[in-house]
Amino acid sequence: MFKVTPNPPDTDSVSPYESPDSKKLNDAAERALDHHFPPAEPKPSKRNGQLFSVCPGINTEALLANASEDLLSISAIAADLADDVDGSRRSIVLALSRMADGVHLLVERALDHLNEPEIAAILARKQSRVG
């Protein structure tokens, strides 16, 4: 029977990484590839059961302003709900509204302190270490 292609040449079944020179050559090639084609940035780690998270780059003033708005919304919802219930349930809903109002005042006071120069400087230093 006639073969169209010749037999491949006999080669040694030696790994290219067995000689010391080939290992150095492979390491150099890996460094060159990493230099010209840097590895992709690692994906952020999973949140370990957290449903929500806050972006790490947000400044303190923005966080407090959003918390203030959310507290106003909670208070308004609770006050509106208090109109629809009676008895002890109404007292509970009004207590929730009042607690949200109190926490809102605390957040607003914290926002006021951000405008003070020494507090602003402390927070700026803290954020520069984080970022």
N, C-alpha and C. Protein backbone atom coordinates (compact mmCIF):
# COMPACT_ATOMS: atom_id res chain seq x y z
N MET A 1 0.83 -1.16 0.00
CA MET A 1 0.00 0.00 0.00
C MET A 1 0.88 1.23 0.00
N PHE A 2 0.47 2.22 -0.76
CA PHE A 2 1.23 3.44 -0.91
C PHE A 2 0.75 4.49 0.09
N LYS A 3 1.68 5.12 0.85
CA LYS A 3 1.36 6.15 1.82
C LYS A 3 1.56 7.52 1.21
N VAL A 4 0.59 8.40 1.40
CA VAL A 4 0.69 9.74 0.81
C VAL A 4 1.69 10.58 1.58
N THR A 5 1.71 10.48 2.90
CA THR A 5 2.64 11.28 3.70
C THR A 5 3.68 10.37 4.34
N PRO A 6 4.87 10.90 4.51
CA PRO A 6 5.91 10.06 5.14
C PRO A 6 5.71 9.99 6.64
N ASN A 7 6.36 9.04 7.23
CA ASN A 7 6.33 8.92 8.69
C ASN A 7 6.99 10.15 9.31
N PRO A 8 6.46 10.60 10.47
CA PRO A 8 7.11 11.74 11.13
C PRO A 8 8.47 11.30 11.65
N PRO A 9 9.37 12.26 11.79
CA PRO A 9 10.70 11.89 12.28
C PRO A 9 10.63 11.41 13.72
N ASP A 10 11.51 10.53 14.07
CA ASP A 10 11.59 10.06 15.45
C ASP A 10 12.14 11.18 16.33
N THR A 11 11.45 11.46 17.43
CA THR A 11 11.91 12.49 18.36
C THR A 11 12.01 11.87 19.74
N ASP A 12 12.83 12.48 20.54
CA ASP A 12 12.94 12.04 21.93
C ASP A 12 11.70 12.51 22.69
N SER A 13 11.24 11.71 23.59
CA SER A 13 10.08 12.09 24.39
C SER A 13 10.53 12.82 25.66
N VAL A 14 11.52 13.68 25.52
CA VAL A 14 12.06 14.43 26.65
C VAL A 14 11.31 15.74 26.76
N SER A 15 10.93 16.08 27.96
CA SER A 15 10.23 17.34 28.19
C SER A 15 11.17 18.51 27.96
N PRO A 16 10.69 19.61 27.38
CA PRO A 16 11.57 20.76 27.17
C PRO A 16 11.97 21.43 28.48
N TYR A 17 11.36 21.05 29.59
CA TYR A 17 11.66 21.68 30.87
C TYR A 17 12.65 20.89 31.71
N GLU A 18 13.19 19.82 31.13
CA GLU A 18 14.11 19.00 31.92
C GLU A 18 15.51 19.60 31.99
N SER A 19 15.92 20.34 30.99
CA SER A 19 17.26 20.90 31.05
C SER A 19 17.20 22.27 31.74
N PRO A 20 18.26 22.65 32.44
CA PRO A 20 18.27 23.92 33.16
C PRO A 20 18.11 25.12 32.23
N ASP A 21 18.69 25.04 31.01
CA ASP A 21 18.60 26.17 30.09
C ASP A 21 17.17 26.39 29.62
N SER A 22 16.44 25.31 29.39
CA SER A 22 15.07 25.47 28.90
C SER A 22 14.18 26.08 29.99
N LYS A 23 14.45 25.79 31.25
CA LYS A 23 13.68 26.39 32.34
C LYS A 23 13.92 27.90 32.40
N LYS A 24 15.17 28.31 32.25
CA LYS A 24 15.48 29.74 32.24
C LYS A 24 14.82 30.42 31.04
N LEU A 25 14.84 29.75 29.91
CA LEU A 25 14.23 30.31 28.71
C LEU A 25 12.72 30.45 28.89
N ASN A 26 12.09 29.46 29.49
CA ASN A 26 10.66 29.52 29.74
C ASN A 26 10.32 30.66 30.72
N ASP A 27 11.13 30.83 31.77
CA ASP A 27 10.90 31.92 32.73
C ASP A 27 11.03 33.28 32.04
N ALA A 28 12.03 33.41 31.18
CA ALA A 28 12.21 34.67 30.46
C ALA A 28 11.03 34.94 29.53
N ALA A 29 10.54 33.89 28.89
CA ALA A 29 9.38 34.06 28.00
C ALA A 29 8.15 34.46 28.80
N GLU A 30 7.95 33.88 29.96
CA GLU A 30 6.82 34.24 30.81
C GLU A 30 6.91 35.70 31.25
N ARG A 31 8.11 36.16 31.63
CA ARG A 31 8.29 37.56 32.03
C ARG A 31 8.00 38.50 30.86
N ALA A 32 8.45 38.13 29.67
CA ALA A 32 8.21 38.97 28.49
C ALA A 32 6.71 39.03 28.18
N LEU A 33 6.04 37.90 28.26
CA LEU A 33 4.60 37.89 28.00
C LEU A 33 3.86 38.72 29.05
N ASP A 34 4.26 38.59 30.32
CA ASP A 34 3.61 39.36 31.37
C ASP A 34 3.86 40.86 31.20
N HIS A 35 5.04 41.22 30.66
CA HIS A 35 5.35 42.63 30.44
C HIS A 35 4.49 43.21 29.31
N HIS A 36 4.39 42.50 28.22
CA HIS A 36 3.66 43.01 27.06
C HIS A 36 2.16 42.76 27.15
N PHE A 37 1.77 41.71 27.81
CA PHE A 37 0.36 41.37 27.98
C PHE A 37 0.11 41.14 29.47
N PRO A 38 -0.02 42.23 30.24
CA PRO A 38 -0.18 42.04 31.68
C PRO A 38 -1.43 41.23 31.99
N PRO A 39 -1.36 40.44 33.04
CA PRO A 39 -2.53 39.63 33.39
C PRO A 39 -3.71 40.54 33.74
N ALA A 40 -4.89 40.06 33.47
CA ALA A 40 -6.10 40.83 33.77
C ALA A 40 -6.19 41.06 35.27
N GLU A 41 -6.79 42.20 35.63
CA GLU A 41 -6.95 42.50 37.05
C GLU A 41 -7.84 41.44 37.68
N PRO A 42 -7.50 41.04 38.89
CA PRO A 42 -8.32 39.99 39.52
C PRO A 42 -9.75 40.50 39.75
N LYS A 43 -10.68 39.60 39.63
CA LYS A 43 -12.07 39.95 39.88
C LYS A 43 -12.25 40.21 41.37
N PRO A 44 -13.13 41.15 41.71
CA PRO A 44 -13.34 41.39 43.14
C PRO A 44 -13.84 40.14 43.84
N SER A 45 -13.45 40.02 45.08
CA SER A 45 -13.84 38.82 45.81
C SER A 45 -15.35 38.81 46.04
N LYS A 46 -15.87 37.63 46.21
CA LYS A 46 -17.30 37.50 46.48
C LYS A 46 -17.60 38.08 47.86
N ARG A 47 -18.84 38.43 48.08
CA ARG A 47 -19.21 39.19 49.26
C ARG A 47 -19.47 38.35 50.50
N ASN A 48 -19.23 37.11 50.47
CA ASN A 48 -19.39 36.25 51.65
C ASN A 48 -20.75 36.44 52.34
N GLY A 49 -21.82 36.28 51.59
CA GLY A 49 -23.13 36.32 52.17
C GLY A 49 -23.76 37.71 52.26
N GLN A 50 -23.02 38.75 51.89
CA GLN A 50 -23.60 40.09 51.92
C GLN A 50 -24.52 40.27 50.74
N LEU A 51 -25.69 40.80 50.99
CA LEU A 51 -26.63 41.06 49.92
C LEU A 51 -26.33 42.39 49.25
N PHE A 52 -25.97 43.38 50.04
CA PHE A 52 -25.65 44.70 49.53
C PHE A 52 -24.27 45.11 50.02
N SER A 53 -23.65 46.02 49.28
CA SER A 53 -22.38 46.57 49.73
C SER A 53 -22.30 48.02 49.26
N VAL A 54 -21.40 48.77 49.87
CA VAL A 54 -21.19 50.17 49.53
C VAL A 54 -19.88 50.27 48.77
N CYS A 55 -19.88 51.04 47.68
CA CYS A 55 -18.66 51.24 46.90
C CYS A 55 -17.59 51.86 47.80
N PRO A 56 -16.36 51.35 47.73
CA PRO A 56 -15.33 51.83 48.65
C PRO A 56 -14.88 53.27 48.40
N GLY A 57 -15.09 53.83 47.21
CA GLY A 57 -14.57 55.16 46.90
C GLY A 57 -15.48 56.31 47.27
N ILE A 58 -16.64 56.05 47.85
CA ILE A 58 -17.59 57.12 48.15
C ILE A 58 -17.13 57.88 49.39
N ASN A 59 -17.19 59.23 49.31
CA ASN A 59 -16.72 60.02 50.45
C ASN A 59 -17.76 60.07 51.55
N THR A 60 -17.32 60.48 52.72
CA THR A 60 -18.15 60.46 53.92
C THR A 60 -19.37 61.37 53.79
N GLU A 61 -19.19 62.53 53.18
CA GLU A 61 -20.31 63.47 53.05
C GLU A 61 -21.43 62.87 52.21
N ALA A 62 -21.09 62.20 51.13
CA ALA A 62 -22.11 61.57 50.28
C ALA A 62 -22.82 60.45 51.03
N LEU A 63 -22.08 59.67 51.81
CA LEU A 63 -22.70 58.60 52.59
C LEU A 63 -23.69 59.16 53.61
N LEU A 64 -23.28 60.21 54.32
CA LEU A 64 -24.15 60.79 55.33
C LEU A 64 -25.37 61.47 54.69
N ALA A 65 -25.18 62.10 53.55
CA ALA A 65 -26.31 62.75 52.87
C ALA A 65 -27.34 61.70 52.43
N ASN A 66 -26.87 60.57 51.91
CA ASN A 66 -27.80 59.51 51.51
C ASN A 66 -28.49 58.90 52.72
N ALA A 67 -27.76 58.72 53.80
CA ALA A 67 -28.38 58.19 55.03
C ALA A 67 -29.45 59.15 55.55
N SER A 68 -29.18 60.44 55.48
CA SER A 68 -30.14 61.44 55.92
C SER A 68 -31.44 61.36 55.10
N GLU A 69 -31.30 61.26 53.79
CA GLU A 69 -32.48 61.15 52.92
C GLU A 69 -33.26 59.87 53.21
N ASP A 70 -32.56 58.78 53.41
CA ASP A 70 -33.23 57.51 53.70
C ASP A 70 -33.98 57.57 55.02
N LEU A 71 -33.39 58.20 56.01
CA LEU A 71 -34.06 58.33 57.31
C LEU A 71 -35.32 59.18 57.20
N LEU A 72 -35.27 60.24 56.39
CA LEU A 72 -36.47 61.05 56.18
C LEU A 72 -37.57 60.22 55.52
N SER A 73 -37.17 59.37 54.57
CA SER A 73 -38.15 58.51 53.90
C SER A 73 -38.77 57.51 54.87
N ILE A 74 -37.95 56.91 55.72
CA ILE A 74 -38.46 55.95 56.71
C ILE A 74 -39.45 56.64 57.65
N SER A 75 -39.10 57.82 58.09
CA SER A 75 -39.98 58.56 59.00
C SER A 75 -41.31 58.89 58.33
N ALA A 76 -41.26 59.32 57.07
CA ALA A 76 -42.49 59.66 56.35
C ALA A 76 -43.37 58.43 56.14
N ILE A 77 -42.76 57.29 55.81
CA ILE A 77 -43.53 56.06 55.62
C ILE A 77 -44.20 55.65 56.94
N ALA A 78 -43.44 55.71 58.02
CA ALA A 78 -43.99 55.31 59.32
C ALA A 78 -45.11 56.25 59.75
N ALA A 79 -44.93 57.55 59.53
CA ALA A 79 -45.98 58.51 59.92
C ALA A 79 -47.24 58.28 59.09
N ASP A 80 -47.07 57.98 57.82
CA ASP A 80 -48.22 57.71 56.96
C ASP A 80 -48.93 56.42 57.40
N LEU A 81 -48.15 55.41 57.75
CA LEU A 81 -48.72 54.14 58.19
C LEU A 81 -49.48 54.30 59.52
N ALA A 82 -49.01 55.21 60.36
CA ALA A 82 -49.65 55.43 61.66
C ALA A 82 -51.10 55.89 61.49
N ASP A 83 -51.40 56.55 60.37
CA ASP A 83 -52.78 56.99 60.13
C ASP A 83 -53.71 55.82 59.85
N ASP A 84 -53.16 54.69 59.42
CA ASP A 84 -53.98 53.55 59.01
C ASP A 84 -54.15 52.48 60.09
N VAL A 85 -53.46 52.62 61.21
CA VAL A 85 -53.56 51.60 62.26
C VAL A 85 -54.03 52.25 63.57
N ASP A 86 -54.51 51.42 64.47
CA ASP A 86 -55.02 51.91 65.75
C ASP A 86 -54.36 51.15 66.91
N GLY A 87 -54.55 51.69 68.09
CA GLY A 87 -54.12 51.00 69.31
C GLY A 87 -52.62 50.93 69.47
N SER A 88 -52.16 49.77 69.96
CA SER A 88 -50.74 49.61 70.25
C SER A 88 -49.89 49.60 68.97
N ARG A 89 -50.47 49.14 67.87
CA ARG A 89 -49.73 49.15 66.60
C ARG A 89 -49.40 50.58 66.18
N ARG A 90 -50.34 51.48 66.39
CA ARG A 90 -50.10 52.89 66.07
C ARG A 90 -48.95 53.44 66.91
N SER A 91 -48.93 53.09 68.18
CA SER A 91 -47.85 53.54 69.06
C SER A 91 -46.50 53.03 68.57
N ILE A 92 -46.47 51.78 68.13
CA ILE A 92 -45.21 51.20 67.63
C ILE A 92 -44.75 51.93 66.38
N VAL A 93 -45.66 52.18 65.45
CA VAL A 93 -45.29 52.85 64.19
C VAL A 93 -44.84 54.28 64.47
N LEU A 94 -45.53 54.98 65.37
CA LEU A 94 -45.11 56.34 65.72
C LEU A 94 -43.74 56.33 66.40
N ALA A 95 -43.46 55.30 67.22
CA ALA A 95 -42.15 55.19 67.85
C ALA A 95 -41.06 55.00 66.79
N LEU A 96 -41.34 54.19 65.77
CA LEU A 96 -40.38 54.01 64.69
C LEU A 96 -40.13 55.33 63.95
N SER A 97 -41.19 56.06 63.70
CA SER A 97 -41.05 57.36 63.04
C SER A 97 -40.20 58.31 63.89
N ARG A 98 -40.45 58.33 65.18
CA ARG A 98 -39.71 59.21 66.08
C ARG A 98 -38.24 58.79 66.17
N MET A 99 -37.98 57.48 66.20
CA MET A 99 -36.58 56.99 66.24
C MET A 99 -35.85 57.39 64.96
N ALA A 100 -36.52 57.26 63.81
CA ALA A 100 -35.89 57.65 62.54
C ALA A 100 -35.60 59.15 62.54
N ASP A 101 -36.50 59.95 63.11
CA ASP A 101 -36.26 61.40 63.21
C ASP A 101 -35.04 61.69 64.08
N GLY A 102 -34.91 60.96 65.19
CA GLY A 102 -33.75 61.16 66.07
C GLY A 102 -32.44 60.80 65.39
N VAL A 103 -32.42 59.70 64.70
CA VAL A 103 -31.20 59.29 64.00
C VAL A 103 -30.90 60.27 62.86
N HIS A 104 -31.95 60.78 62.22
CA HIS A 104 -31.76 61.78 61.17
C HIS A 104 -31.05 63.02 61.74
N LEU A 105 -31.45 63.45 62.94
CA LEU A 105 -30.79 64.59 63.57
C LEU A 105 -29.31 64.31 63.84
N LEU A 106 -29.00 63.08 64.26
CA LEU A 106 -27.60 62.71 64.49
C LEU A 106 -26.79 62.76 63.20
N VAL A 107 -27.36 62.27 62.12
CA VAL A 107 -26.66 62.29 60.83
C VAL A 107 -26.46 63.74 60.37
N GLU A 108 -27.47 64.56 60.54
CA GLU A 108 -27.34 65.97 60.16
C GLU A 108 -26.25 66.66 60.97
N ARG A 109 -26.15 66.34 62.25
CA ARG A 109 -25.08 66.92 63.08
C ARG A 109 -23.72 66.46 62.58
N ALA A 110 -23.61 65.19 62.19
CA ALA A 110 -22.34 64.69 61.64
C ALA A 110 -22.00 65.42 60.35
N LEU A 111 -23.00 65.71 59.52
CA LEU A 111 -22.76 66.48 58.30
C LEU A 111 -22.27 67.89 58.63
N ASP A 112 -22.84 68.49 59.68
CA ASP A 112 -22.38 69.81 60.10
C ASP A 112 -20.92 69.78 60.52
N HIS A 113 -20.52 68.71 61.21
CA HIS A 113 -19.12 68.59 61.65
C HIS A 113 -18.16 68.41 60.49
N LEU A 114 -18.64 67.89 59.37
CA LEU A 114 -17.76 67.74 58.21
C LEU A 114 -17.28 69.09 57.70
N ASN A 115 -18.07 70.13 57.94
CA ASN A 115 -17.69 71.47 57.48
C ASN A 115 -16.65 72.12 58.39
N GLU A 116 -16.44 71.55 59.56
CA GLU A 116 -15.41 72.08 60.45
C GLU A 116 -14.04 71.66 59.93
N PRO A 117 -13.08 72.59 59.86
CA PRO A 117 -11.79 72.31 59.21
C PRO A 117 -11.02 71.13 59.81
N GLU A 118 -11.00 71.01 61.14
CA GLU A 118 -10.18 69.93 61.73
C GLU A 118 -10.78 68.55 61.45
N ILE A 119 -12.11 68.44 61.47
CA ILE A 119 -12.75 67.16 61.16
C ILE A 119 -12.55 66.81 59.70
N ALA A 120 -12.70 67.81 58.82
CA ALA A 120 -12.51 67.59 57.39
C ALA A 120 -11.09 67.12 57.10
N ALA A 121 -10.10 67.69 57.80
CA ALA A 121 -8.70 67.29 57.59
C ALA A 121 -8.47 65.85 58.04
N ILE A 122 -9.06 65.47 59.18
CA ILE A 122 -8.92 64.09 59.67
C ILE A 122 -9.52 63.11 58.68
N LEU A 123 -10.73 63.41 58.18
CA LEU A 123 -11.38 62.52 57.22
C LEU A 123 -10.62 62.46 55.91
N ALA A 124 -10.06 63.59 55.47
CA ALA A 124 -9.28 63.60 54.23
C ALA A 124 -8.05 62.71 54.35
N ARG A 125 -7.37 62.78 55.51
CA ARG A 125 -6.21 61.91 55.72
C ARG A 125 -6.61 60.45 55.74
N LYS A 126 -7.72 60.16 56.39
CA LYS A 126 -8.19 58.77 56.47
C LYS A 126 -8.53 58.25 55.07
N GLN A 127 -9.22 59.06 54.25
CA GLN A 127 -9.59 58.61 52.91
C GLN A 127 -8.37 58.49 52.01
N SER A 128 -7.33 59.31 52.21
CA SER A 128 -6.14 59.19 51.37
C SER A 128 -5.38 57.91 51.68
N ARG A 129 -5.47 57.43 52.93
CA ARG A 129 -4.85 56.15 53.27
C ARG A 129 -5.59 54.99 52.66
N VAL A 130 -6.92 55.10 52.61
CA VAL A 130 -7.75 54.02 52.06
C VAL A 130 -7.60 53.97 50.56
N GLY A 131 -7.64 55.12 49.87
CA GLY A 131 -7.62 55.19 48.40
C GLY A 131 -6.28 55.12 47.86
